[in-house]
C-alpha atoms as a PDB file:
ATOM      1  CA  MET A   1       0.000   0.000   0.000  1.00  0.00           C
ATOM      2  CA  PHE A   2       2.894   2.348   0.802  1.00  0.00           C
ATOM      3  CA  LYS A   3       4.266   1.874  -2.717  1.00  0.00           C
ATOM      4  CA  ALA A   4       0.888   2.835  -4.163  1.00  0.00           C
ATOM      5  CA  PHE A   5       0.814   6.042  -2.102  1.00  0.00           C
ATOM      6  CA  LYS A   6       4.389   6.856  -3.064  1.00  0.00           C
ATOM      7  CA  SER A   7       3.542   6.336  -6.722  1.00  0.00           C
ATOM      8  CA  GLU A   8       0.548   8.697  -6.487  1.00  0.00           C
ATOM      9  CA  VAL A   9       2.606  11.362  -4.726  1.00  0.00           C
ATOM     10  CA  LEU A  10       5.175  11.206  -7.531  1.00  0.00           C
ATOM     11  CA  LYS A  11       2.392  11.510 -10.131  1.00  0.00           C
ATOM     12  CA  LEU A  12       1.194  14.709  -8.477  1.00  0.00           C
ATOM     13  CA  LYS A  13       4.506  16.449  -9.102  1.00  0.00           C
ATOM     14  CA  HIS A  14       4.086  19.127 -11.785  1.00  0.00           C
ATOM     15  CA  SER A  15       0.411  18.116 -12.147  1.00  0.00           C
ATOM     16  CA  LEU A  16      -2.519  20.500 -12.579  1.00  0.00           C
ATOM     17  CA  THR A  17      -4.016  19.116  -9.362  1.00  0.00           C
ATOM     18  CA  LEU A  18      -0.981  20.158  -7.329  1.00  0.00           C
ATOM     19  CA  TYR A  19      -0.868  23.584  -8.976  1.00  0.00           C
ATOM     20  CA  LEU A  20      -4.593  24.136  -8.357  1.00  0.00           C
ATOM     21  CA  ILE A  21      -4.492  23.225  -4.677  1.00  0.00           C
ATOM     22  CA  SER A  22      -1.247  25.123  -4.059  1.00  0.00           C
ATOM     23  CA  GLY A  23      -2.564  28.138  -5.979  1.00  0.00           C
ATOM     24  CA  VAL A  24      -5.829  28.244  -4.036  1.00  0.00           C
ATOM     25  CA  PHE A  25      -3.935  27.884  -0.756  1.00  0.00           C
ATOM     26  CA  LEU A  26      -1.562  30.716  -1.698  1.00  0.00           C
ATOM     27  CA  VAL A  27      -4.396  33.057  -2.721  1.00  0.00           C
ATOM     28  CA  GLU A  28      -6.287  32.313   0.499  1.00  0.00           C
ATOM     29  CA  LEU A  29      -3.136  32.760   2.551  1.00  0.00           C
ATOM     30  CA  LEU A  30      -2.499  36.186   1.026  1.00  0.00           C
ATOM     31  CA  THR A  31      -6.076  37.447   1.280  1.00  0.00           C
ATOM     32  CA  ILE A  32      -8.152  35.903   4.082  1.00  0.00           C
ATOM     33  CA  PRO A  33      -5.834  36.566   7.073  1.00  0.00           C
ATOM     34  CA  SER A  34      -5.291  40.150   5.874  1.00  0.00           C
ATOM     35  CA  TYR A  35      -9.033  40.636   5.391  1.00  0.00           C
ATOM     36  CA  LEU A  36      -9.794  39.357   8.893  1.00  0.00           C
ATOM     37  CA  ALA A  37      -6.985  41.425  10.403  1.00  0.00           C
ATOM     38  CA  ILE A  38      -8.519  44.598   8.959  1.00  0.00           C
ATOM     39  CA  ILE A  39     -12.223  43.792   9.371  1.00  0.00           C
ATOM     40  CA  ARG A  40     -12.854  42.177  12.732  1.00  0.00           C
ATOM     41  CA  ASN A  41     -16.517  41.284  13.016  1.00  0.00           C
ATOM     42  CA  THR A  42     -18.796  38.262  12.843  1.00  0.00           C
ATOM     43  CA  TYR A  43     -19.877  38.901   9.259  1.00  0.00           C
ATOM     44  CA  ALA A  44     -16.273  38.991   8.057  1.00  0.00           C
ATOM     45  CA  ILE A  45     -15.518  35.646   9.697  1.00  0.00           C
ATOM     46  CA  GLN A  46     -18.672  34.103   8.224  1.00  0.00           C
ATOM     47  CA  ALA A  47     -17.723  35.355   4.760  1.00  0.00           C
ATOM     48  CA  ALA A  48     -14.210  33.931   5.202  1.00  0.00           C
ATOM     49  CA  ILE A  49     -15.725  30.557   6.061  1.00  0.00           C
ATOM     50  CA  TYR A  50     -18.608  30.099   3.641  1.00  0.00           C
ATOM     51  CA  PHE A  51     -17.424  31.775   0.431  1.00  0.00           C
ATOM     52  CA  PRO A  52     -14.295  29.570   0.220  1.00  0.00           C
ATOM     53  CA  MET A  53     -16.509  26.543   0.921  1.00  0.00           C
ATOM     54  CA  MET A  54     -18.539  27.330  -2.187  1.00  0.00           C
ATOM     55  CA  GLY A  55     -15.334  27.707  -4.166  1.00  0.00           C
ATOM     56  CA  TYR A  56     -14.116  24.331  -2.901  1.00  0.00           C
ATOM     57  CA  CYS A  57     -17.074  22.633  -4.594  1.00  0.00           C
ATOM     58  CA  LEU A  58     -15.811  23.845  -7.974  1.00  0.00           C
ATOM     59  CA  LEU A  59     -12.170  23.208  -7.061  1.00  0.00           C
ATOM     60  CA  VAL A  60     -12.736  19.561  -6.148  1.00  0.00           C
ATOM     61  CA  SER A  61     -14.914  18.941  -9.215  1.00  0.00           C
ATOM     62  CA  ILE A  62     -12.052  20.226 -11.401  1.00  0.00           C
ATOM     63  CA  ILE A  63      -9.581  18.028  -9.494  1.00  0.00           C
ATOM     64  CA  ALA A  64     -11.810  14.994 -10.091  1.00  0.00           C
ATOM     65  CA  LEU A  65     -12.014  15.829 -13.801  1.00  0.00           C
ATOM     66  CA  GLN A  66      -8.243  16.238 -13.936  1.00  0.00           C
ATOM     67  CA  THR A  67      -7.724  12.852 -12.263  1.00  0.00           C
ATOM     68  CA  PHE A  68      -9.943  11.159 -14.823  1.00  0.00           C
ATOM     69  CA  GLU A  69      -8.259  12.949 -17.727  1.00  0.00           C
ATOM     70  CA  GLN A  70      -4.882  11.849 -16.405  1.00  0.00           C
ATOM     71  CA  GLU A  71      -5.980   8.214 -16.415  1.00  0.00           C
ATOM     72  CA  GLU A  72      -7.522   8.547 -19.871  1.00  0.00           C
ATOM     73  CA  LYS A  73      -4.207   9.801 -21.210  1.00  0.00           C
ATOM     74  CA  ALA A  74      -2.499   6.827 -19.563  1.00  0.00           C
ATOM     75  CA  ASN A  75      -3.549   4.393 -22.309  1.00  0.00           C
ATOM     76  CA  HIS A  76      -7.292   4.815 -21.721  1.00  0.00           C
ATOM     77  CA  TRP A  77      -7.381   3.649 -18.094  1.00  0.00           C
ATOM     78  CA  GLN A  78      -5.125   0.633 -18.688  1.00  0.00           C
ATOM     79  CA  ASN A  79      -2.976   1.619 -15.703  1.00  0.00           C
ATOM     80  CA  VAL A  80      -6.014   1.182 -13.467  1.00  0.00           C
ATOM     81  CA  ASN A  81      -8.171  -1.425 -15.190  1.00  0.00           C
ATOM     82  CA  CYS A  82      -5.386  -3.811 -16.177  1.00  0.00           C
ATOM     83  CA  THR A  83      -3.868  -4.222 -12.741  1.00  0.00           C
ATOM     84  CA  GLN A  84      -4.766  -6.805 -10.111  1.00  0.00           C
ATOM     85  CA  LYS A  85      -4.452  -4.085  -7.485  1.00  0.00           C
ATOM     86  CA  ARG A  86      -6.995  -1.789  -9.133  1.00  0.00           C
ATOM     87  CA  LEU A  87      -8.884  -1.032  -5.910  1.00  0.00           C
ATOM     88  CA  LYS A  88      -5.730  -0.252  -3.947  1.00  0.00           C
ATOM     89  CA  LEU A  89      -4.439   2.001  -6.728  1.00  0.00           C
ATOM     90  CA  TRP A  90      -7.616   4.065  -7.026  1.00  0.00           C
ATOM     91  CA  ILE A  91      -8.171   4.420  -3.263  1.00  0.00           C
ATOM     92  CA  SER A  92      -4.536   5.535  -2.977  1.00  0.00           C
ATOM     93  CA  LYS A  93      -5.283   8.304  -5.480  1.00  0.00           C
ATOM     94  CA  LEU A  94      -8.233   9.561  -3.457  1.00  0.00           C
ATOM     95  CA  VAL A  95      -6.491   9.383  -0.080  1.00  0.00           C
ATOM     96  CA  THR A  96      -3.420  11.172  -1.465  1.00  0.00           C
ATOM     97  CA  ILE A  97      -5.656  14.021  -2.640  1.00  0.00           C
ATOM     98  CA  ASP A  98      -7.424  13.991   0.757  1.00  0.00           C
ATOM     99  CA  PHE A  99      -4.130  14.690   2.512  1.00  0.00           C
ATOM    100  CA  LEU A 100      -3.111  17.295  -0.056  1.00  0.00           C
ATOM    101  CA  LEU A 101      -6.384  19.140   0.574  1.00  0.00           C
ATOM    102  CA  PHE A 102      -5.194  19.664   4.147  1.00  0.00           C
ATOM    103  CA  LEU A 103      -3.383  22.784   2.871  1.00  0.00           C
ATOM    104  CA  PRO A 104      -6.333  25.041   1.937  1.00  0.00           C
ATOM    105  CA  SER A 105      -8.356  23.894   4.937  1.00  0.00           C
ATOM    106  CA  ALA A 106      -6.902  22.909   8.306  1.00  0.00           C
ATOM    107  CA  LEU A 107      -3.438  24.424   7.860  1.00  0.00           C
ATOM    108  CA  LEU A 108      -4.856  27.713   6.577  1.00  0.00           C
ATOM    109  CA  TRP A 109      -7.246  28.041   9.502  1.00  0.00           C
ATOM    110  CA  GLN A 110      -4.495  27.366  12.013  1.00  0.00           C
ATOM    111  CA  LEU A 111      -2.795  30.469  10.660  1.00  0.00           C
ATOM    112  CA  ILE A 112      -6.062  32.420  10.637  1.00  0.00           C
ATOM    113  CA  GLY A 113      -6.635  31.465  14.274  1.00  0.00           C
ATOM    114  CA  VAL A 114      -3.454  33.280  15.242  1.00  0.00           C
ATOM    115  CA  VAL A 115      -4.530  36.393  13.320  1.00  0.00           C
ATOM    116  CA  VAL A 116      -8.027  36.629  14.822  1.00  0.00           C
ATOM    117  CA  ASN A 117      -6.928  35.330  18.235  1.00  0.00           C
ATOM    118  CA  GLN A 118      -9.511  32.528  18.145  1.00  0.00           C
ATOM    119  CA  THR A 119      -7.268  29.494  17.808  1.00  0.00           C
ATOM    120  CA  VAL A 120      -9.696  26.860  19.089  1.00  0.00           C
ATOM    121  CA  TYR A 121     -12.577  28.022  16.898  1.00  0.00           C
ATOM    122  CA  ALA A 122     -10.315  28.414  13.857  1.00  0.00           C
ATOM    123  CA  ASN A 123      -8.902  24.902  14.287  1.00  0.00           C
ATOM    124  CA  TYR A 124     -12.458  23.590  14.552  1.00  0.00           C
ATOM    125  CA  VAL A 125     -13.473  25.383  11.346  1.00  0.00           C
ATOM    126  CA  GLY A 126     -10.345  24.092   9.614  1.00  0.00           C
ATOM    127  CA  PHE A 127     -11.084  20.504  10.625  1.00  0.00           C
ATOM    128  CA  VAL A 128     -14.711  20.721   9.486  1.00  0.00           C
ATOM    129  CA  THR A 129     -13.628  22.334   6.208  1.00  0.00           C
ATOM    130  CA  TRP A 130     -11.167  19.495   5.634  1.00  0.00           C
ATOM    131  CA  LEU A 131     -13.968  16.976   6.180  1.00  0.00           C
ATOM    132  CA  LEU A 132     -16.012  18.872   3.588  1.00  0.00           C
ATOM    133  CA  LEU A 133     -13.139  18.639   1.092  1.00  0.00           C
ATOM    134  CA  ILE A 134     -12.704  14.916   1.760  1.00  0.00           C
ATOM    135  CA  PHE A 135     -16.437  14.386   1.253  1.00  0.00           C
ATOM    136  CA  LEU A 136     -16.401  16.368  -2.009  1.00  0.00           C
ATOM    137  CA  ASN A 137     -13.338  14.488  -3.236  1.00  0.00           C
ATOM    138  CA  HIS A 138     -14.890  11.044  -2.806  1.00  0.00           C
ATOM    139  CA  PHE A 139     -18.338  12.159  -3.969  1.00  0.00           C
ATOM    140  CA  HIS A 140     -17.179  13.772  -7.221  1.00  0.00           C
ATOM    141  CA  HIS A 141     -14.873  10.868  -8.078  1.00  0.00           C
ATOM    142  CA  LEU A 142     -17.778   8.480  -7.454  1.00  0.00           C
ATOM    143  CA  LEU A 143     -20.022  10.636  -9.643  1.00  0.00           C
ATOM    144  CA  LEU A 144     -17.531  10.480 -12.499  1.00  0.00           C
ATOM    145  CA  THR A 145     -16.940   6.761 -12.010  1.00  0.00           C
ATOM    146  CA  ILE A 146     -20.658   6.035 -12.384  1.00  0.00           C
ATOM    147  CA  PHE A 147     -21.740   8.550 -15.029  1.00  0.00           C
ATOM    148  CA  SER A 148     -18.463   9.590 -16.748  1.00  0.00           C
ATOM    149  CA  SER A 149     -20.062  12.982 -17.402  1.00  0.00           C
ATOM    150  CA  ARG A 150     -17.907  16.086 -17.113  1.00  0.00           C
ATOM    151  CA  SER A 151     -20.787  18.517 -17.558  1.00  0.00           C
ATOM    152  CA  LEU A 152     -22.828  16.758 -14.847  1.00  0.00           C
ATOM    153  CA  THR A 153     -19.921  17.071 -12.419  1.00  0.00           C
ATOM    154  CA  ILE A 154     -19.687  20.836 -12.944  1.00  0.00           C
ATOM    155  CA  ILE A 155     -23.477  21.261 -12.688  1.00  0.00           C
ATOM    156  CA  VAL A 156     -23.526  19.320  -9.407  1.00  0.00           C
ATOM    157  CA  ALA A 157     -20.715  21.545  -8.096  1.00  0.00           C
ATOM    158  CA  PHE A 158     -22.804  24.666  -8.742  1.00  0.00           C
ATOM    159  CA  VAL A 159     -25.802  23.050  -7.028  1.00  0.00           C
ATOM    160  CA  GLU A 160     -23.565  22.286  -4.037  1.00  0.00           C
ATOM    161  CA  CYS A 161     -22.620  25.978  -3.913  1.00  0.00           C
ATOM    162  CA  LEU A 162     -26.303  26.879  -3.627  1.00  0.00           C
ATOM    163  CA  PHE A 163     -26.856  24.332  -0.859  1.00  0.00           C
ATOM    164  CA  ILE A 164     -23.938  25.777   1.121  1.00  0.00           C
ATOM    165  CA  LEU A 165     -25.325  29.282   0.642  1.00  0.00           C
ATOM    166  CA  PHE A 166     -28.765  28.234   1.890  1.00  0.00           C
ATOM    167  CA  ALA A 167     -27.270  26.205   4.752  1.00  0.00           C
ATOM    168  CA  SER A 168     -25.275  29.227   5.942  1.00  0.00           C
ATOM    169  CA  ASN A 169     -28.625  30.942   6.518  1.00  0.00           C
ATOM    170  CA  GLY A 170     -29.792  28.063   8.712  1.00  0.00           C
ATOM    171  CA  VAL A 171     -32.183  26.564   6.167  1.00  0.00           C
ATOM    172  CA  PHE A 172     -30.951  22.961   6.574  1.00  0.00           C
ATOM    173  CA  VAL A 173     -30.119  22.932  10.296  1.00  0.00           C
ATOM    174  CA  ASN A 174     -31.865  19.617  11.074  1.00  0.00           C
ATOM    175  CA  TYR A 175     -31.345  17.945   7.692  1.00  0.00           C
ATOM    176  CA  PHE A 176     -28.856  15.129   8.274  1.00  0.00           C
ATOM    177  CA  TRP A 177     -29.751  13.583   4.916  1.00  0.00           C
ATOM    178  CA  ILE A 178     -28.184  16.500   3.007  1.00  0.00           C
ATOM    179  CA  PRO A 179     -24.458  15.809   3.510  1.00  0.00           C
ATOM    180  CA  ILE A 180     -23.236  18.955   1.739  1.00  0.00           C
ATOM    181  CA  ALA A 181     -25.025  21.042   4.402  1.00  0.00           C
ATOM    182  CA  LEU A 182     -23.507  19.188   7.364  1.00  0.00           C
ATOM    183  CA  PRO A 183     -20.165  21.075   7.474  1.00  0.00           C
ATOM    184  CA  VAL A 184     -22.047  24.380   7.584  1.00  0.00           C
ATOM    185  CA  ASN A 185     -24.396  23.023  10.245  1.00  0.00           C
ATOM    186  CA  ALA A 186     -21.416  21.828  12.293  1.00  0.00           C
ATOM    187  CA  ILE A 187     -19.908  25.321  12.238  1.00  0.00           C
ATOM    188  CA  LEU A 188     -23.242  26.941  13.119  1.00  0.00           C
ATOM    189  CA  ALA A 189     -23.565  24.490  16.034  1.00  0.00           C
ATOM    190  CA  TYR A 190     -20.088  25.251  17.415  1.00  0.00           C
ATOM    191  CA  GLY A 191     -20.130  25.055  21.210  1.00  0.00           C
ATOM    192  CA  ASN A 192     -23.349  23.037  21.127  1.00  0.00           C
ATOM    193  CA  SER A 193     -23.634  19.317  21.887  1.00  0.00           C
ATOM    194  CA  ARG A 194     -25.213  18.831  18.444  1.00  0.00           C
ATOM    195  CA  ALA A 195     -21.920  19.748  16.785  1.00  0.00           C
ATOM    196  CA  THR A 196     -20.414  16.354  17.633  1.00  0.00           C
ATOM    197  CA  GLN A 197     -23.447  14.539  16.233  1.00  0.00           C
ATOM    198  CA  ILE A 198     -23.255  16.533  13.003  1.00  0.00           C
ATOM    199  CA  ILE A 199     -19.539  15.831  12.586  1.00  0.00           C
ATOM    200  CA  TRP A 200     -20.092  12.107  13.097  1.00  0.00           C
ATOM    201  CA  ALA A 201     -22.922  12.221  10.572  1.00  0.00           C
ATOM    202  CA  LEU A 202     -20.580  13.871   8.058  1.00  0.00           C
ATOM    203  CA  ILE A 203     -17.894  11.257   8.706  1.00  0.00           C
ATOM    204  CA  GLY A 204     -20.569   8.608   8.223  1.00  0.00           C
ATOM    205  CA  TRP A 205     -21.443  10.052   4.804  1.00  0.00           C
ATOM    206  CA  ILE A 206     -17.750  10.039   3.862  1.00  0.00           C
ATOM    207  CA  VAL A 207     -17.529   6.358   4.805  1.00  0.00           C
ATOM    208  CA  VAL A 208     -20.650   5.656   2.729  1.00  0.00           C
ATOM    209  CA  TYR A 209     -19.086   7.221  -0.373  1.00  0.00           C
ATOM    210  CA  VAL A 210     -15.808   5.393   0.245  1.00  0.00           C
ATOM    211  CA  ILE A 211     -17.783   2.137   0.312  1.00  0.00           C
ATOM    212  CA  PHE A 212     -19.652   3.101  -2.872  1.00  0.00           C
ATOM    213  CA  ASN A 213     -16.328   3.879  -4.542  1.00  0.00           C
ATOM    214  CA  VAL A 214     -15.056   0.438  -3.532  1.00  0.00           C
ATOM    215  CA  ILE A 215     -18.210  -1.238  -4.875  1.00  0.00           C
ATOM    216  CA  THR A 216     -18.022   0.562  -8.229  1.00  0.00           C
ATOM    217  CA  LEU A 217     -14.347  -0.354  -8.545  1.00  0.00           C
ATOM    218  CA  LYS A 218     -15.218  -4.008  -7.969  1.00  0.00           C
ATOM    219  CA  ILE A 219     -17.520  -3.911 -11.006  1.00  0.00           C
ATOM    220  CA  PRO A 220     -15.624  -4.513 -14.272  1.00  0.00           C
ATOM    221  CA  LYS A 221     -16.080  -1.558 -16.601  1.00  0.00           C
ATOM    222  CA  ASN A 222     -14.733  -0.911 -20.061  1.00  0.00           C
ATOM    223  CA  ARG A 223     -13.775   2.699 -20.759  1.00  0.00           C
ATOM    224  CA  SER A 224     -13.057   4.265 -24.081  1.00  0.00           C
END
């Protein structure tokens, strides 16, 4: 398994995925802490949380598309489909991206916590944001695995943006069956006992999509 992870890390070098994630992290690092240092109020913090979340939906959908395009260029998926360790290889791809997405989420908010002098809350937001990115990563890759539709992936990303916008206004507070709203609900419930329940529900949804990814990978599929 370690060799599979190492191989995926090497593939990410000089890849569009790495440039996208690093670029987003750099832009956020240069803008959000400065913005919060100048404007110190609740609305500014909410904007710094929820607007990037909406952008992450599009970011992860593009990353998923890039991953699929990379495999298509590699002899039309032969690197994945023609190996006995197909499941291990594909899961390694997803988990490698999960860890890479730590940059624009948890690490960024650790730095923001120092700026706004709310370290505990910022670390909490960063952790929840990372869970959102992990969820989006596995969901969008599953979506592409099943439907192989690039346009559908982008459309779903825009719909996710709308759900996050509505959720930030408290529309989906008690809706555990809408996973995209759970990270927002977890942040809104900070300091409340419900926050733990919401986080576990989100982790549960991530596990569900991991299982679905495994199931779809077990099904032989010819790609052209």
